[in-house]
N, C-alpha and C. Protein backbone atom coordinates (compact mmCIF):
# COMPACT_ATOMS: atom_id res chain seq x y z
N MET A 1 64.56 12.26 139.22
CA MET A 1 65.66 11.39 138.80
C MET A 1 66.16 10.58 140.00
N ASN A 2 66.27 9.29 139.82
CA ASN A 2 66.72 8.39 140.88
C ASN A 2 68.05 7.78 140.47
N LEU A 3 69.03 7.79 141.37
CA LEU A 3 70.38 7.35 141.03
C LEU A 3 70.41 5.89 140.59
N GLU A 4 69.71 5.01 141.28
CA GLU A 4 69.78 3.60 140.95
C GLU A 4 68.99 3.28 139.69
N GLN A 5 67.83 3.87 139.54
CA GLN A 5 67.00 3.58 138.37
C GLN A 5 67.49 4.31 137.12
N HIS A 6 67.76 5.60 137.26
CA HIS A 6 68.10 6.42 136.11
C HIS A 6 69.60 6.64 135.95
N GLY A 7 70.36 6.39 137.02
CA GLY A 7 71.81 6.60 136.96
C GLY A 7 72.24 7.99 137.31
N ALA A 8 71.32 8.86 137.72
CA ALA A 8 71.67 10.24 138.03
C ALA A 8 70.68 10.80 139.04
N ALA A 9 71.14 11.75 139.86
CA ALA A 9 70.29 12.40 140.84
C ALA A 9 70.70 13.87 140.97
N HIS A 10 69.71 14.73 141.08
CA HIS A 10 69.93 16.17 141.24
C HIS A 10 69.87 16.52 142.72
N LEU A 11 70.92 17.21 143.20
CA LEU A 11 71.00 17.60 144.61
C LEU A 11 71.01 19.13 144.68
N PRO A 12 69.83 19.76 144.67
CA PRO A 12 69.78 21.22 144.64
C PRO A 12 70.43 21.84 145.87
N GLY A 13 71.33 22.80 145.64
CA GLY A 13 71.95 23.56 146.71
C GLY A 13 72.92 22.79 147.58
N ALA A 14 73.25 21.56 147.20
CA ALA A 14 74.08 20.72 148.08
C ALA A 14 75.48 21.28 148.29
N ALA A 15 76.00 22.02 147.31
CA ALA A 15 77.34 22.58 147.43
C ALA A 15 77.34 24.03 147.89
N ALA A 16 76.16 24.59 148.15
CA ALA A 16 76.06 26.01 148.49
C ALA A 16 76.93 26.41 149.69
N PRO A 17 77.00 25.59 150.76
CA PRO A 17 77.82 26.01 151.91
C PRO A 17 79.32 26.09 151.60
N PHE A 18 79.74 25.52 150.49
CA PHE A 18 81.16 25.44 150.18
C PHE A 18 81.56 26.33 149.01
N LEU A 19 80.63 27.15 148.51
CA LEU A 19 80.90 27.89 147.28
C LEU A 19 82.04 28.90 147.43
N ASP A 20 82.09 29.61 148.53
CA ASP A 20 83.16 30.60 148.71
C ASP A 20 84.52 29.91 148.68
N ALA A 21 84.63 28.78 149.36
CA ALA A 21 85.89 28.06 149.39
C ALA A 21 86.23 27.47 148.02
N LEU A 22 85.22 26.97 147.31
CA LEU A 22 85.45 26.44 145.97
C LEU A 22 85.88 27.55 145.02
N ASP A 23 85.24 28.72 145.12
CA ASP A 23 85.62 29.85 144.28
C ASP A 23 87.09 30.22 144.51
N ALA A 24 87.53 30.17 145.76
CA ALA A 24 88.91 30.52 146.07
C ALA A 24 89.88 29.51 145.46
N VAL A 25 89.50 28.23 145.45
CA VAL A 25 90.36 27.20 144.87
C VAL A 25 90.50 27.40 143.37
N VAL A 26 89.39 27.60 142.68
CA VAL A 26 89.45 27.68 141.22
C VAL A 26 89.95 29.04 140.73
N ALA A 27 89.92 30.05 141.60
CA ALA A 27 90.40 31.37 141.19
C ALA A 27 91.87 31.35 140.81
N GLY A 28 92.62 30.41 141.36
CA GLY A 28 94.04 30.33 141.06
C GLY A 28 94.36 29.53 139.81
N GLN A 29 93.34 29.01 139.12
CA GLN A 29 93.57 28.20 137.93
C GLN A 29 93.57 29.07 136.68
N PRO A 30 94.35 28.69 135.67
CA PRO A 30 94.40 29.49 134.44
C PRO A 30 93.07 29.49 133.71
N GLU A 31 92.75 30.61 133.08
CA GLU A 31 91.51 30.73 132.31
C GLU A 31 91.79 30.43 130.84
N GLY A 32 90.72 30.26 130.08
CA GLY A 32 90.87 30.04 128.66
C GLY A 32 91.21 28.61 128.29
N ARG A 33 91.03 27.68 129.23
CA ARG A 33 91.25 26.26 128.95
C ARG A 33 89.97 25.49 129.21
N ALA A 34 89.64 24.58 128.32
CA ALA A 34 88.36 23.87 128.43
C ALA A 34 88.28 23.01 129.68
N GLY A 35 89.36 22.28 129.96
CA GLY A 35 89.36 21.41 131.12
C GLY A 35 90.72 21.40 131.79
N ILE A 36 90.73 21.50 133.11
CA ILE A 36 91.97 21.51 133.88
C ILE A 36 91.90 20.39 134.90
N ARG A 37 92.83 19.48 134.84
CA ARG A 37 92.89 18.39 135.82
C ARG A 37 93.58 18.90 137.08
N LEU A 38 92.87 18.82 138.20
CA LEU A 38 93.33 19.41 139.45
C LEU A 38 93.97 18.35 140.32
N GLN A 39 95.15 18.66 140.83
CA GLN A 39 95.90 17.69 141.62
C GLN A 39 96.78 18.43 142.62
N ALA A 40 97.04 17.79 143.76
CA ALA A 40 97.93 18.32 144.79
C ALA A 40 97.47 19.68 145.30
N LEU A 41 96.16 19.83 145.48
CA LEU A 41 95.60 21.06 146.04
C LEU A 41 94.99 20.72 147.40
N ASP A 42 95.70 21.09 148.46
CA ASP A 42 95.26 20.71 149.81
C ASP A 42 93.88 21.25 150.14
N ASP A 43 93.61 22.50 149.74
CA ASP A 43 92.31 23.10 150.05
C ASP A 43 91.18 22.33 149.36
N LEU A 44 91.41 21.94 148.11
CA LEU A 44 90.38 21.18 147.40
C LEU A 44 90.21 19.80 148.02
N ARG A 45 91.30 19.17 148.38
CA ARG A 45 91.23 17.84 149.00
C ARG A 45 90.38 17.90 150.27
N GLY A 46 90.55 18.95 151.04
CA GLY A 46 89.75 19.10 152.26
C GLY A 46 88.27 19.27 151.96
N LEU A 47 87.94 20.01 150.91
CA LEU A 47 86.54 20.23 150.55
C LEU A 47 85.87 18.95 150.06
N LEU A 48 86.66 18.05 149.48
CA LEU A 48 86.10 16.83 148.92
C LEU A 48 86.12 15.67 149.91
N ALA A 49 86.50 15.94 151.15
CA ALA A 49 86.62 14.91 152.18
C ALA A 49 85.26 14.29 152.52
N PRO A 50 85.28 13.09 153.15
CA PRO A 50 84.02 12.39 153.44
C PRO A 50 83.04 13.15 154.32
N ASN A 51 83.53 14.04 155.15
CA ASN A 51 82.63 14.79 156.03
C ASN A 51 82.18 16.10 155.40
N ARG A 52 82.57 16.34 154.14
CA ARG A 52 82.15 17.57 153.45
C ARG A 52 81.48 17.17 152.14
N LEU A 53 81.95 17.64 151.01
CA LEU A 53 81.29 17.30 149.75
C LEU A 53 81.36 15.80 149.44
N GLY A 54 82.37 15.14 149.95
CA GLY A 54 82.50 13.71 149.70
C GLY A 54 81.44 12.87 150.37
N ARG A 55 80.64 13.44 151.25
CA ARG A 55 79.64 12.65 151.96
C ARG A 55 78.58 12.10 151.01
N PHE A 56 78.37 12.79 149.88
CA PHE A 56 77.36 12.31 148.94
C PHE A 56 77.84 11.02 148.27
N ALA A 57 79.13 10.94 148.01
CA ALA A 57 79.70 9.70 147.48
C ALA A 57 79.73 8.61 148.54
N VAL A 58 80.04 8.98 149.77
CA VAL A 58 80.07 8.01 150.88
C VAL A 58 78.69 7.38 151.07
N ASP A 59 77.64 8.18 150.91
CA ASP A 59 76.29 7.65 151.06
C ASP A 59 76.02 6.51 150.07
N ILE A 60 76.66 6.55 148.92
CA ILE A 60 76.43 5.54 147.89
C ILE A 60 77.47 4.42 147.94
N LEU A 61 78.74 4.78 148.11
CA LEU A 61 79.83 3.82 147.99
C LEU A 61 80.34 3.28 149.32
N GLY A 62 79.99 3.95 150.41
CA GLY A 62 80.49 3.53 151.71
C GLY A 62 81.65 4.40 152.18
N ALA A 63 82.11 4.12 153.39
CA ALA A 63 83.09 4.96 154.06
C ALA A 63 84.44 5.00 153.36
N ALA A 64 84.73 4.02 152.51
CA ALA A 64 86.03 3.99 151.82
C ALA A 64 86.08 4.90 150.60
N ALA A 65 84.98 5.55 150.24
CA ALA A 65 84.96 6.40 149.05
C ALA A 65 85.97 7.52 149.16
N ARG A 66 86.73 7.72 148.08
CA ARG A 66 87.70 8.83 148.05
C ARG A 66 87.73 9.43 146.65
N PRO A 67 88.07 10.73 146.54
CA PRO A 67 88.14 11.35 145.22
C PRO A 67 89.30 10.78 144.42
N ALA A 68 89.01 10.29 143.22
CA ALA A 68 90.02 9.67 142.39
C ALA A 68 90.55 10.60 141.31
N ARG A 69 89.75 11.60 140.94
CA ARG A 69 90.16 12.54 139.90
C ARG A 69 89.23 13.74 139.95
N ALA A 70 89.78 14.92 139.72
CA ALA A 70 88.97 16.15 139.68
C ALA A 70 89.35 16.95 138.44
N ILE A 71 88.34 17.41 137.72
CA ILE A 71 88.55 18.21 136.51
C ILE A 71 87.66 19.44 136.59
N LEU A 72 88.23 20.61 136.32
CA LEU A 72 87.47 21.84 136.24
C LEU A 72 87.16 22.12 134.78
N PHE A 73 85.88 22.08 134.43
CA PHE A 73 85.44 22.42 133.08
C PHE A 73 84.98 23.87 133.06
N ASP A 74 85.47 24.62 132.10
CA ASP A 74 85.15 26.04 132.01
C ASP A 74 84.72 26.36 130.58
N LYS A 75 83.41 26.31 130.35
CA LYS A 75 82.89 26.60 129.01
C LYS A 75 82.53 28.08 128.93
N SER A 76 83.11 28.76 127.96
CA SER A 76 82.93 30.20 127.82
C SER A 76 83.03 30.55 126.34
N ALA A 77 83.04 31.86 126.04
CA ALA A 77 83.18 32.29 124.65
C ALA A 77 84.50 31.82 124.06
N ALA A 78 85.53 31.73 124.90
CA ALA A 78 86.85 31.31 124.42
C ALA A 78 86.98 29.80 124.34
N THR A 79 86.19 29.08 125.09
CA THR A 79 86.26 27.61 125.12
C THR A 79 84.85 27.06 125.04
N ASN A 80 84.31 27.04 123.86
CA ASN A 80 82.93 26.61 123.66
C ASN A 80 82.95 25.36 122.78
N TRP A 81 82.95 24.20 123.42
CA TRP A 81 83.14 22.95 122.70
C TRP A 81 81.88 22.10 122.79
N ALA A 82 81.82 21.09 121.95
CA ALA A 82 80.77 20.08 122.01
C ALA A 82 81.42 18.72 122.19
N LEU A 83 80.72 17.84 122.86
CA LEU A 83 81.22 16.49 123.10
C LEU A 83 80.09 15.51 122.81
N GLY A 84 80.34 14.56 121.89
CA GLY A 84 79.31 13.61 121.50
C GLY A 84 79.01 12.59 122.58
N TRP A 85 78.02 11.77 122.34
CA TRP A 85 77.59 10.76 123.30
C TRP A 85 78.70 9.74 123.53
N HIS A 86 78.98 9.44 124.79
CA HIS A 86 80.08 8.54 125.13
C HIS A 86 79.95 8.06 126.57
N GLN A 87 80.78 7.09 126.94
CA GLN A 87 80.97 6.68 128.32
C GLN A 87 82.36 7.08 128.77
N ASP A 88 82.51 7.48 130.04
CA ASP A 88 83.84 7.69 130.61
C ASP A 88 84.42 6.32 130.94
N ARG A 89 85.61 6.03 130.41
CA ARG A 89 86.17 4.69 130.56
C ARG A 89 87.59 4.69 131.10
N THR A 90 88.16 5.86 131.39
CA THR A 90 89.54 5.88 131.86
C THR A 90 89.62 6.41 133.28
N ILE A 91 90.71 6.05 133.95
CA ILE A 91 91.00 6.54 135.30
C ILE A 91 92.42 7.11 135.29
N ALA A 92 92.72 7.95 136.27
CA ALA A 92 94.06 8.52 136.42
C ALA A 92 94.81 7.77 137.51
N VAL A 93 96.05 7.39 137.21
CA VAL A 93 96.86 6.63 138.16
C VAL A 93 98.21 7.31 138.36
N GLN A 94 98.90 6.92 139.44
CA GLN A 94 100.17 7.57 139.78
C GLN A 94 101.30 7.18 138.84
N ALA A 95 101.31 5.94 138.40
CA ALA A 95 102.39 5.46 137.53
C ALA A 95 101.89 4.29 136.72
N ARG A 96 102.52 4.08 135.59
CA ARG A 96 102.11 2.98 134.72
C ARG A 96 102.62 1.65 135.26
N ALA A 97 101.77 0.64 135.20
CA ALA A 97 102.15 -0.73 135.52
C ALA A 97 101.32 -1.63 134.64
N ASP A 98 101.93 -2.37 133.79
CA ASP A 98 101.22 -3.19 132.82
C ASP A 98 100.65 -4.44 133.47
N LEU A 99 99.34 -4.42 133.71
CA LEU A 99 98.65 -5.53 134.34
C LEU A 99 97.55 -6.03 133.41
N PRO A 100 97.21 -7.30 133.46
CA PRO A 100 96.14 -7.82 132.62
C PRO A 100 94.83 -7.05 132.83
N GLY A 101 94.18 -6.71 131.74
CA GLY A 101 92.90 -6.01 131.81
C GLY A 101 93.00 -4.51 131.83
N PHE A 102 94.21 -3.96 131.98
CA PHE A 102 94.40 -2.51 132.03
C PHE A 102 95.05 -2.05 130.72
N GLY A 103 94.39 -1.16 130.03
CA GLY A 103 94.90 -0.62 128.78
C GLY A 103 93.75 -0.34 127.82
N PRO A 104 93.97 0.54 126.85
CA PRO A 104 95.23 1.22 126.53
C PRO A 104 95.56 2.33 127.52
N TRP A 105 96.80 2.82 127.39
CA TRP A 105 97.33 3.87 128.25
C TRP A 105 97.40 5.19 127.49
N SER A 106 97.32 6.30 128.23
CA SER A 106 97.46 7.62 127.62
C SER A 106 97.94 8.61 128.67
N THR A 107 98.39 9.76 128.22
CA THR A 107 98.80 10.83 129.12
C THR A 107 98.01 12.08 128.77
N LYS A 108 97.33 12.64 129.76
CA LYS A 108 96.51 13.83 129.57
C LYS A 108 96.94 14.88 130.57
N ALA A 109 97.40 16.03 130.06
CA ALA A 109 97.86 17.12 130.92
C ALA A 109 98.89 16.62 131.93
N GLY A 110 99.77 15.73 131.47
CA GLY A 110 100.84 15.22 132.32
C GLY A 110 100.43 14.14 133.28
N MET A 111 99.16 13.75 133.29
CA MET A 111 98.67 12.70 134.18
C MET A 111 98.49 11.42 133.40
N ILE A 112 98.87 10.30 134.00
CA ILE A 112 98.80 9.00 133.35
C ILE A 112 97.38 8.44 133.50
N HIS A 113 96.79 8.07 132.37
CA HIS A 113 95.45 7.51 132.36
C HIS A 113 95.47 6.12 131.74
N VAL A 114 94.53 5.30 132.17
CA VAL A 114 94.42 3.95 131.63
C VAL A 114 92.95 3.54 131.65
N GLU A 115 92.58 2.71 130.70
CA GLU A 115 91.25 2.11 130.72
C GLU A 115 91.32 0.84 131.55
N PRO A 116 90.63 0.80 132.70
CA PRO A 116 90.68 -0.38 133.58
C PRO A 116 89.59 -1.37 133.19
N PRO A 117 89.56 -2.55 133.82
CA PRO A 117 88.40 -3.41 133.67
C PRO A 117 87.13 -2.62 133.99
N PHE A 118 86.11 -2.80 133.18
CA PHE A 118 84.93 -1.93 133.30
C PHE A 118 84.23 -2.10 134.64
N ALA A 119 84.44 -3.20 135.32
CA ALA A 119 83.83 -3.40 136.63
C ALA A 119 84.26 -2.31 137.61
N ILE A 120 85.47 -1.77 137.44
CA ILE A 120 85.93 -0.68 138.31
C ILE A 120 85.13 0.58 138.03
N ILE A 121 84.90 0.90 136.75
CA ILE A 121 84.10 2.07 136.38
C ILE A 121 82.67 1.93 136.91
N GLU A 122 82.13 0.72 136.84
CA GLU A 122 80.75 0.49 137.27
C GLU A 122 80.55 0.72 138.75
N GLN A 123 81.61 0.67 139.53
CA GLN A 123 81.51 0.88 140.98
C GLN A 123 81.82 2.32 141.39
N MET A 124 81.94 3.22 140.43
CA MET A 124 82.27 4.61 140.72
C MET A 124 81.05 5.52 140.60
N VAL A 125 81.12 6.65 141.28
CA VAL A 125 80.14 7.72 141.07
C VAL A 125 80.88 9.01 140.79
N THR A 126 80.21 9.90 140.09
CA THR A 126 80.78 11.19 139.71
C THR A 126 79.90 12.31 140.24
N LEU A 127 80.52 13.32 140.83
CA LEU A 127 79.81 14.53 141.26
C LEU A 127 80.15 15.67 140.31
N ARG A 128 79.14 16.34 139.81
CA ARG A 128 79.33 17.56 139.03
C ARG A 128 78.84 18.72 139.89
N ILE A 129 79.79 19.51 140.37
CA ILE A 129 79.52 20.61 141.30
C ILE A 129 79.47 21.89 140.48
N HIS A 130 78.31 22.55 140.47
CA HIS A 130 78.09 23.68 139.58
C HIS A 130 78.46 25.00 140.25
N LEU A 131 79.45 25.65 139.67
CA LEU A 131 79.91 26.96 140.16
C LEU A 131 79.20 28.11 139.46
N ASP A 132 78.47 27.80 138.40
CA ASP A 132 77.65 28.77 137.67
C ASP A 132 76.33 28.11 137.33
N PRO A 133 75.27 28.91 137.13
CA PRO A 133 74.00 28.31 136.71
C PRO A 133 74.10 27.77 135.29
N VAL A 134 73.36 26.71 135.02
CA VAL A 134 73.34 26.08 133.70
C VAL A 134 71.89 25.93 133.26
N GLY A 135 71.51 26.73 132.26
CA GLY A 135 70.17 26.63 131.69
C GLY A 135 70.20 25.87 130.38
N VAL A 136 69.04 25.80 129.74
CA VAL A 136 68.94 25.02 128.51
C VAL A 136 69.82 25.58 127.40
N GLU A 137 70.10 26.89 127.45
CA GLU A 137 70.89 27.53 126.39
C GLU A 137 72.38 27.51 126.69
N ASN A 138 72.76 27.01 127.86
CA ASN A 138 74.14 27.13 128.31
C ASN A 138 74.82 25.76 128.44
N ALA A 139 74.51 24.88 127.49
CA ALA A 139 75.19 23.59 127.36
C ALA A 139 75.14 22.73 128.61
N PRO A 140 73.93 22.39 129.08
CA PRO A 140 73.86 21.46 130.22
C PRO A 140 74.36 20.08 129.82
N LEU A 141 74.80 19.32 130.82
CA LEU A 141 75.13 17.93 130.57
C LEU A 141 73.87 17.20 130.11
N LEU A 142 74.01 16.38 129.08
CA LEU A 142 72.92 15.54 128.59
C LEU A 142 73.23 14.10 128.98
N ILE A 143 72.26 13.42 129.55
CA ILE A 143 72.46 12.02 129.93
C ILE A 143 71.39 11.15 129.30
N ALA A 144 71.71 9.87 129.15
CA ALA A 144 70.74 8.88 128.69
C ALA A 144 70.31 8.08 129.92
N PRO A 145 69.17 8.41 130.54
CA PRO A 145 68.78 7.76 131.80
C PRO A 145 68.69 6.25 131.66
N GLY A 146 69.30 5.55 132.61
CA GLY A 146 69.28 4.11 132.63
C GLY A 146 70.44 3.45 131.90
N SER A 147 71.19 4.22 131.13
CA SER A 147 72.29 3.63 130.35
C SER A 147 73.44 3.17 131.22
N HIS A 148 73.47 3.61 132.48
CA HIS A 148 74.54 3.19 133.39
C HIS A 148 74.51 1.69 133.65
N ALA A 149 73.36 1.07 133.43
CA ALA A 149 73.19 -0.35 133.72
C ALA A 149 73.43 -1.24 132.51
N MET A 150 73.88 -0.67 131.40
CA MET A 150 74.04 -1.44 130.16
C MET A 150 75.43 -2.03 129.99
N GLY A 151 76.32 -1.80 130.95
CA GLY A 151 77.68 -2.30 130.83
C GLY A 151 78.49 -1.49 129.84
N LYS A 152 79.64 -2.01 129.49
CA LYS A 152 80.51 -1.33 128.53
C LYS A 152 79.93 -1.47 127.13
N LEU A 153 79.68 -0.34 126.48
CA LEU A 153 79.05 -0.33 125.17
C LEU A 153 80.08 -0.13 124.07
N ARG A 154 79.96 -0.89 123.00
CA ARG A 154 80.77 -0.63 121.82
C ARG A 154 80.39 0.74 121.26
N ASP A 155 81.30 1.35 120.53
CA ASP A 155 81.03 2.67 119.97
C ASP A 155 79.77 2.66 119.12
N ASP A 156 79.56 1.59 118.35
CA ASP A 156 78.40 1.55 117.48
C ASP A 156 77.11 1.21 118.23
N ALA A 157 77.21 0.97 119.54
CA ALA A 157 76.03 0.71 120.36
C ALA A 157 75.59 1.93 121.16
N ILE A 158 76.38 3.00 121.10
CA ILE A 158 76.06 4.21 121.88
C ILE A 158 74.78 4.85 121.38
N ALA A 159 74.68 5.13 120.08
CA ALA A 159 73.50 5.80 119.54
C ALA A 159 72.23 4.98 119.77
N PRO A 160 72.22 3.66 119.55
CA PRO A 160 71.02 2.89 119.88
C PRO A 160 70.66 2.95 121.36
N ALA A 161 71.66 3.02 122.23
CA ALA A 161 71.38 3.12 123.66
C ALA A 161 70.68 4.44 123.98
N VAL A 162 71.14 5.53 123.36
CA VAL A 162 70.50 6.83 123.59
C VAL A 162 69.08 6.82 123.04
N ALA A 163 68.88 6.20 121.87
CA ALA A 163 67.54 6.12 121.30
C ALA A 163 66.61 5.34 122.20
N ARG A 164 67.13 4.31 122.85
CA ARG A 164 66.32 3.48 123.73
C ARG A 164 66.01 4.18 125.04
N CYS A 165 67.01 4.84 125.61
CA CYS A 165 66.86 5.44 126.94
C CYS A 165 66.28 6.85 126.91
N GLY A 166 66.41 7.54 125.77
CA GLY A 166 66.04 8.95 125.73
C GLY A 166 67.15 9.80 126.30
N ARG A 167 66.89 11.09 126.41
CA ARG A 167 67.90 12.01 126.90
C ARG A 167 67.29 12.97 127.91
N HIS A 168 68.12 13.41 128.84
CA HIS A 168 67.67 14.35 129.88
C HIS A 168 68.74 15.42 130.04
N ALA A 169 68.31 16.68 130.07
CA ALA A 169 69.23 17.80 130.27
C ALA A 169 69.36 18.10 131.75
N CYS A 170 70.59 18.11 132.25
CA CYS A 170 70.85 18.31 133.68
C CYS A 170 71.00 19.80 133.98
N LEU A 171 69.87 20.48 134.10
CA LEU A 171 69.87 21.91 134.42
C LEU A 171 70.27 22.10 135.88
N ALA A 172 70.88 23.25 136.17
CA ALA A 172 71.37 23.44 137.54
C ALA A 172 71.48 24.93 137.86
N GLU A 173 71.36 25.23 139.14
CA GLU A 173 71.68 26.55 139.67
C GLU A 173 73.07 26.50 140.29
N ARG A 174 73.65 27.66 140.49
CA ARG A 174 74.94 27.72 141.18
C ARG A 174 74.80 27.08 142.56
N GLY A 175 75.70 26.16 142.87
CA GLY A 175 75.64 25.46 144.15
C GLY A 175 74.95 24.11 144.10
N ASP A 176 74.33 23.78 142.95
CA ASP A 176 73.71 22.46 142.81
C ASP A 176 74.78 21.40 142.50
N ILE A 177 74.45 20.17 142.79
CA ILE A 177 75.28 19.03 142.40
C ILE A 177 74.42 18.06 141.59
N TRP A 178 74.95 17.57 140.51
CA TRP A 178 74.40 16.41 139.82
C TRP A 178 75.33 15.24 140.10
N MET A 179 74.79 14.18 140.66
CA MET A 179 75.56 12.97 140.93
C MET A 179 75.10 11.90 139.96
N TYR A 180 76.06 11.21 139.32
CA TYR A 180 75.66 10.15 138.40
C TYR A 180 76.61 8.97 138.49
N ARG A 181 76.09 7.82 138.11
CA ARG A 181 76.92 6.62 138.00
C ARG A 181 77.89 6.83 136.85
N THR A 182 79.15 6.66 137.10
CA THR A 182 80.19 7.03 136.14
C THR A 182 80.01 6.40 134.76
N PRO A 183 79.47 5.18 134.62
CA PRO A 183 79.33 4.60 133.27
C PRO A 183 78.22 5.20 132.42
N ILE A 184 77.41 6.13 132.95
CA ILE A 184 76.25 6.61 132.21
C ILE A 184 76.69 7.23 130.88
N VAL A 185 75.90 7.01 129.84
CA VAL A 185 76.17 7.63 128.54
C VAL A 185 75.76 9.09 128.61
N HIS A 186 76.66 9.98 128.19
CA HIS A 186 76.39 11.41 128.33
C HIS A 186 77.04 12.20 127.20
N ALA A 187 76.65 13.47 127.09
CA ALA A 187 77.14 14.34 126.02
C ALA A 187 76.99 15.79 126.46
N SER A 188 77.54 16.69 125.66
CA SER A 188 77.39 18.12 125.90
C SER A 188 77.46 18.87 124.58
N ALA A 189 76.51 19.77 124.34
CA ALA A 189 76.50 20.56 123.12
C ALA A 189 77.29 21.85 123.31
N ARG A 190 77.52 22.56 122.24
CA ARG A 190 78.09 23.90 122.35
C ARG A 190 77.06 24.82 123.00
N SER A 191 77.56 25.77 123.78
CA SER A 191 76.67 26.72 124.42
C SER A 191 76.07 27.67 123.39
N GLU A 192 74.77 27.93 123.53
CA GLU A 192 74.10 28.91 122.69
C GLU A 192 74.22 30.30 123.29
N SER A 193 74.80 30.39 124.47
CA SER A 193 75.02 31.67 125.15
C SER A 193 76.44 31.71 125.70
N PRO A 194 77.45 31.70 124.80
CA PRO A 194 78.83 31.51 125.25
C PRO A 194 79.39 32.68 126.06
N THR A 195 78.71 33.82 126.07
CA THR A 195 79.19 34.92 126.91
C THR A 195 78.92 34.64 128.38
N ARG A 196 78.06 33.65 128.66
CA ARG A 196 77.80 33.25 130.05
C ARG A 196 78.72 32.11 130.39
N ARG A 197 79.52 32.31 131.40
CA ARG A 197 80.48 31.29 131.80
C ARG A 197 79.76 30.09 132.40
N ARG A 198 80.32 28.88 132.17
CA ARG A 198 79.73 27.67 132.72
C ARG A 198 80.85 26.82 133.31
N ARG A 199 81.12 27.05 134.61
CA ARG A 199 82.18 26.31 135.31
C ARG A 199 81.57 25.17 136.10
N VAL A 200 82.14 23.99 135.92
CA VAL A 200 81.70 22.79 136.63
C VAL A 200 82.93 22.06 137.15
N LEU A 201 82.92 21.75 138.43
CA LEU A 201 83.96 20.92 139.01
C LEU A 201 83.45 19.47 139.01
N GLN A 202 84.10 18.63 138.24
CA GLN A 202 83.69 17.23 138.13
C GLN A 202 84.66 16.35 138.91
N VAL A 203 84.13 15.56 139.82
CA VAL A 203 84.97 14.73 140.70
C VAL A 203 84.48 13.29 140.63
N ASP A 204 85.39 12.38 140.26
CA ASP A 204 85.10 10.95 140.26
C ASP A 204 85.49 10.37 141.61
N TYR A 205 84.62 9.52 142.16
CA TYR A 205 84.87 8.86 143.44
C TYR A 205 84.88 7.35 143.26
N SER A 206 85.75 6.70 144.01
CA SER A 206 85.80 5.24 144.05
C SER A 206 86.06 4.78 145.48
N ALA A 207 85.54 3.60 145.82
CA ALA A 207 85.85 2.98 147.10
C ALA A 207 86.75 1.77 146.93
N ASP A 208 87.17 1.50 145.70
CA ASP A 208 87.98 0.31 145.41
C ASP A 208 89.48 0.64 145.44
N ASP A 209 90.26 -0.31 145.90
CA ASP A 209 91.71 -0.24 145.74
C ASP A 209 92.08 -0.85 144.38
N LEU A 210 93.06 -0.25 143.72
CA LEU A 210 93.55 -0.82 142.48
C LEU A 210 94.56 -1.92 142.79
N PRO A 211 94.70 -2.90 141.91
CA PRO A 211 95.67 -3.96 142.17
C PRO A 211 97.09 -3.42 142.16
N PRO A 212 97.91 -3.73 143.18
CA PRO A 212 99.28 -3.24 143.23
C PRO A 212 100.06 -3.71 141.99
N PRO A 213 100.97 -2.86 141.53
CA PRO A 213 101.43 -1.60 142.10
C PRO A 213 100.64 -0.38 141.63
N LEU A 214 99.52 -0.57 140.95
CA LEU A 214 98.73 0.60 140.52
C LEU A 214 98.13 1.30 141.72
N ALA A 215 98.04 2.63 141.62
CA ALA A 215 97.41 3.44 142.66
C ALA A 215 96.72 4.62 142.02
N TRP A 216 95.58 4.99 142.59
CA TRP A 216 94.84 6.15 142.08
C TRP A 216 95.71 7.40 142.12
N SER A 217 95.56 8.24 141.12
CA SER A 217 96.27 9.51 141.13
C SER A 217 95.76 10.40 142.27
N GLY A 218 94.44 10.42 142.46
CA GLY A 218 93.86 11.21 143.54
C GLY A 218 93.82 12.69 143.24
N VAL A 219 93.47 13.46 144.26
CA VAL A 219 93.30 14.92 144.12
C VAL A 219 94.33 15.62 144.98
């Protein structure tokens, strides 16, 4: 898998040196929730810095790359969900400011989200840091290779895009990272082995500044 051609790249063992520290960060988070948006965690911010896990984003986006949002996904017997094919189109910001091209607005877990001009999404990359192994039976991320280059797709264009691009299951071992272009079309099925926990730390990176007074929520 090639990031530019396919929109995704597998980095085996890339997070292995940081697993103990990552485990300590997520150990303090509540269990039994499908997704937890992580914010104001100094230890996590340090781990995602440009000279640590953030270096993979810096390699693609340049030295200005910074974590814009972090979500801990925890798929288990208690939280075994499915998510259909879609594009990620929203970002988290510190406060609402009504500017042309930004909207609609929403609030998720107390954080303000907005759909920005799609050009901002197209310049982002996402790291999925695997804290548990993910096999074919344990709901791996499914991607449509190459769909990152199709621009913003209407809802009724998603299925044809998947049919055209095909699908790839992002299998991983504990400590692996999957990096993908944020606009890629992706999905996730319910786990066929829900007694096996599947924790993934997903971090969106951007090197762009938002137009004032908007500012990234950050980590």
